[in-house]
Amino acid sequence: MFSVTLSKNRRAWLIGATLATTWNYLFNLGFDHTLKRLTGSTRKSIKLRFLHAFSFELGLLIVFLPIIAWWMEIELLEAFLVDVSFALFYLVYAFVFTWCYDTTFPDTDAAASLD
């Protein structure tokens, strides 16, 4: 990828996966706590799901961009292209994953707030 050695790419992917996992936990915890405080439930409409997935990816992009540029010793624009390729994949993944998670483990207060 972008004239960078395979070894360096692997480490960048590992750093990215670790960062994404940590960000995923912290972001979702904060998002759901805020949503529950504001609305009384963690139930998300389709519009809110898009906002959730987009803001998750935007935050990850902002945090990961300088790390990619530094680690891979590339310009910020080139790092941005690498980061966007990660983000596009994970944007879809985050949307589907959280929808499945919320369906499998529904908020018990969500049903009560619909009544």
C-alpha atoms as a PDB file:
ATOM      1  CA  MET A   1       0.000   0.000   0.000  1.00  0.00           C
ATOM      2  CA  PHE A   2       1.465   3.383  -1.073  1.00  0.00           C
ATOM      3  CA  SER A   3       5.072   2.172  -1.402  1.00  0.00           C
ATOM      4  CA  VAL A   4       5.283   1.145   2.249  1.00  0.00           C
ATOM      5  CA  THR A   5       6.725  -2.204   3.295  1.00  0.00           C
ATOM      6  CA  LEU A   6       4.389  -5.056   4.136  1.00  0.00           C
ATOM      7  CA  SER A   7       5.841  -5.261   7.639  1.00  0.00           C
ATOM      8  CA  LYS A   8       5.035  -1.604   8.275  1.00  0.00           C
ATOM      9  CA  ASN A   9       1.543  -2.096   6.828  1.00  0.00           C
ATOM     10  CA  ARG A  10       0.862  -5.004   9.174  1.00  0.00           C
ATOM     11  CA  ARG A  11       1.875  -2.967  12.178  1.00  0.00           C
ATOM     12  CA  ALA A  12      -0.267  -0.051  10.998  1.00  0.00           C
ATOM     13  CA  TRP A  13      -3.258  -2.409  10.689  1.00  0.00           C
ATOM     14  CA  LEU A  14      -2.577  -3.741  14.198  1.00  0.00           C
ATOM     15  CA  ILE A  15      -2.310  -0.223  15.615  1.00  0.00           C
ATOM     16  CA  GLY A  16      -5.472   0.733  13.731  1.00  0.00           C
ATOM     17  CA  ALA A  17      -7.424  -2.288  14.959  1.00  0.00           C
ATOM     18  CA  THR A  18      -6.382  -1.647  18.561  1.00  0.00           C
ATOM     19  CA  LEU A  19      -7.228   2.043  18.288  1.00  0.00           C
ATOM     20  CA  ALA A  20     -10.574   1.280  16.613  1.00  0.00           C
ATOM     21  CA  THR A  21     -11.505  -1.257  19.296  1.00  0.00           C
ATOM     22  CA  THR A  22     -10.686   1.192  22.086  1.00  0.00           C
ATOM     23  CA  TRP A  23     -12.474   4.046  20.294  1.00  0.00           C
ATOM     24  CA  ASN A  24     -15.462   1.777  19.628  1.00  0.00           C
ATOM     25  CA  TYR A  25     -15.878   1.022  23.337  1.00  0.00           C
ATOM     26  CA  LEU A  26     -15.413   4.608  24.516  1.00  0.00           C
ATOM     27  CA  PHE A  27     -17.524   6.190  21.766  1.00  0.00           C
ATOM     28  CA  ASN A  28     -20.457   3.780  22.116  1.00  0.00           C
ATOM     29  CA  LEU A  29     -20.409   4.045  25.896  1.00  0.00           C
ATOM     30  CA  GLY A  30     -20.504   7.844  25.698  1.00  0.00           C
ATOM     31  CA  PHE A  31     -23.048   7.930  22.871  1.00  0.00           C
ATOM     32  CA  ASP A  32     -25.467   5.530  24.570  1.00  0.00           C
ATOM     33  CA  HIS A  33     -25.160   7.233  27.976  1.00  0.00           C
ATOM     34  CA  THR A  34     -25.804  10.628  26.370  1.00  0.00           C
ATOM     35  CA  LEU A  35     -28.710   9.274  24.318  1.00  0.00           C
ATOM     36  CA  LYS A  36     -30.269   7.634  27.371  1.00  0.00           C
ATOM     37  CA  ARG A  37     -29.866  10.832  29.412  1.00  0.00           C
ATOM     38  CA  LEU A  38     -31.456  12.964  26.673  1.00  0.00           C
ATOM     39  CA  THR A  39     -34.249  10.631  25.551  1.00  0.00           C
ATOM     40  CA  GLY A  40     -34.611   8.053  28.331  1.00  0.00           C
ATOM     41  CA  SER A  41     -33.687   5.217  25.963  1.00  0.00           C
ATOM     42  CA  THR A  42     -30.878   3.974  23.762  1.00  0.00           C
ATOM     43  CA  ARG A  43     -33.309   3.163  20.939  1.00  0.00           C
ATOM     44  CA  LYS A  44     -32.004   4.612  17.659  1.00  0.00           C
ATOM     45  CA  SER A  45     -33.976   5.637  14.596  1.00  0.00           C
ATOM     46  CA  ILE A  46     -32.455   5.011  11.179  1.00  0.00           C
ATOM     47  CA  LYS A  47     -31.462   8.697  11.016  1.00  0.00           C
ATOM     48  CA  LEU A  48     -29.791   8.474  14.415  1.00  0.00           C
ATOM     49  CA  ARG A  49     -28.006   5.271  13.342  1.00  0.00           C
ATOM     50  CA  PHE A  50     -26.510   7.122  10.367  1.00  0.00           C
ATOM     51  CA  LEU A  51     -25.427   9.968  12.661  1.00  0.00           C
ATOM     52  CA  HIS A  52     -23.939   7.439  15.084  1.00  0.00           C
ATOM     53  CA  ALA A  53     -21.966   5.577  12.395  1.00  0.00           C
ATOM     54  CA  PHE A  54     -20.793   8.777  10.687  1.00  0.00           C
ATOM     55  CA  SER A  55     -19.683  10.495  13.903  1.00  0.00           C
ATOM     56  CA  PHE A  56     -17.906   7.328  15.038  1.00  0.00           C
ATOM     57  CA  GLU A  57     -15.931   7.174  11.795  1.00  0.00           C
ATOM     58  CA  LEU A  58     -15.200  10.892  11.765  1.00  0.00           C
ATOM     59  CA  GLY A  59     -13.784  10.703  15.289  1.00  0.00           C
ATOM     60  CA  LEU A  60     -11.672   7.674  14.402  1.00  0.00           C
ATOM     61  CA  LEU A  61     -10.436   9.402  11.249  1.00  0.00           C
ATOM     62  CA  ILE A  62      -9.348  12.484  13.217  1.00  0.00           C
ATOM     63  CA  VAL A  63      -7.524  10.417  15.845  1.00  0.00           C
ATOM     64  CA  PHE A  64      -5.928   7.960  13.409  1.00  0.00           C
ATOM     65  CA  LEU A  65      -4.776  10.366  10.670  1.00  0.00           C
ATOM     66  CA  PRO A  66      -1.633  11.720  12.369  1.00  0.00           C
ATOM     67  CA  ILE A  67      -0.711   8.245  13.610  1.00  0.00           C
ATOM     68  CA  ILE A  68      -0.858   6.804  10.081  1.00  0.00           C
ATOM     69  CA  ALA A  69       1.177   9.680   8.652  1.00  0.00           C
ATOM     70  CA  TRP A  70       3.841   9.368  11.346  1.00  0.00           C
ATOM     71  CA  TRP A  71       4.022   5.577  11.412  1.00  0.00           C
ATOM     72  CA  MET A  72       4.099   5.087   7.655  1.00  0.00           C
ATOM     73  CA  GLU A  73       6.277   8.166   7.083  1.00  0.00           C
ATOM     74  CA  ILE A  74       3.919   9.580   4.484  1.00  0.00           C
ATOM     75  CA  GLU A  75       2.331  12.966   3.825  1.00  0.00           C
ATOM     76  CA  LEU A  76      -0.963  13.846   5.495  1.00  0.00           C
ATOM     77  CA  LEU A  77      -2.851  13.744   2.180  1.00  0.00           C
ATOM     78  CA  GLU A  78      -1.602  10.229   1.479  1.00  0.00           C
ATOM     79  CA  ALA A  79      -2.432   9.248   5.082  1.00  0.00           C
ATOM     80  CA  PHE A  80      -5.891  10.728   4.573  1.00  0.00           C
ATOM     81  CA  LEU A  81      -6.444   8.433   1.566  1.00  0.00           C
ATOM     82  CA  VAL A  82      -5.354   5.410   3.612  1.00  0.00           C
ATOM     83  CA  ASP A  83      -7.566   6.504   6.489  1.00  0.00           C
ATOM     84  CA  VAL A  84     -10.585   7.056   4.246  1.00  0.00           C
ATOM     85  CA  SER A  85     -10.226   3.540   2.827  1.00  0.00           C
ATOM     86  CA  PHE A  86     -10.350   2.184   6.409  1.00  0.00           C
ATOM     87  CA  ALA A  87     -13.258   4.459   7.279  1.00  0.00           C
ATOM     88  CA  LEU A  88     -15.448   3.519   4.311  1.00  0.00           C
ATOM     89  CA  PHE A  89     -15.262  -0.137   5.214  1.00  0.00           C
ATOM     90  CA  TYR A  90     -15.850   0.443   8.917  1.00  0.00           C
ATOM     91  CA  LEU A  91     -18.667   2.926   8.305  1.00  0.00           C
ATOM     92  CA  VAL A  92     -20.764   0.115   6.862  1.00  0.00           C
ATOM     93  CA  TYR A  93     -19.486  -2.334   9.478  1.00  0.00           C
ATOM     94  CA  ALA A  94     -20.307  -0.011  12.403  1.00  0.00           C
ATOM     95  CA  PHE A  95     -23.816   0.625  11.089  1.00  0.00           C
ATOM     96  CA  VAL A  96     -24.633  -3.075  10.645  1.00  0.00           C
ATOM     97  CA  PHE A  97     -22.887  -4.199  13.838  1.00  0.00           C
ATOM     98  CA  THR A  98     -24.648  -1.729  16.138  1.00  0.00           C
ATOM     99  CA  TRP A  99     -27.999  -2.468  14.530  1.00  0.00           C
ATOM    100  CA  CYS A 100     -27.504  -6.203  15.099  1.00  0.00           C
ATOM    101  CA  TYR A 101     -26.235  -5.595  18.638  1.00  0.00           C
ATOM    102  CA  ASP A 102     -29.182  -3.381  19.543  1.00  0.00           C
ATOM    103  CA  THR A 103     -31.577  -5.956  18.094  1.00  0.00           C
ATOM    104  CA  THR A 104     -29.932  -8.856  19.929  1.00  0.00           C
ATOM    105  CA  PHE A 105     -29.502  -7.003  23.243  1.00  0.00           C
ATOM    106  CA  PRO A 106     -32.316  -4.446  23.337  1.00  0.00           C
ATOM    107  CA  ASP A 107     -32.455  -1.762  25.995  1.00  0.00           C
ATOM    108  CA  THR A 108     -35.137  -2.900  28.449  1.00  0.00           C
ATOM    109  CA  ASP A 109     -36.199   0.737  28.909  1.00  0.00           C
ATOM    110  CA  ALA A 110     -36.689   1.163  25.126  1.00  0.00           C
ATOM    111  CA  ALA A 111     -39.925  -0.829  25.053  1.00  0.00           C
ATOM    112  CA  ALA A 112     -41.300   1.077  28.027  1.00  0.00           C
ATOM    113  CA  SER A 113     -40.561   4.432  26.381  1.00  0.00           C
ATOM    114  CA  LEU A 114     -42.582   3.413  23.294  1.00  0.00           C
ATOM    115  CA  ASP A 115     -45.778   2.956  25.330  1.00  0.00           C
END
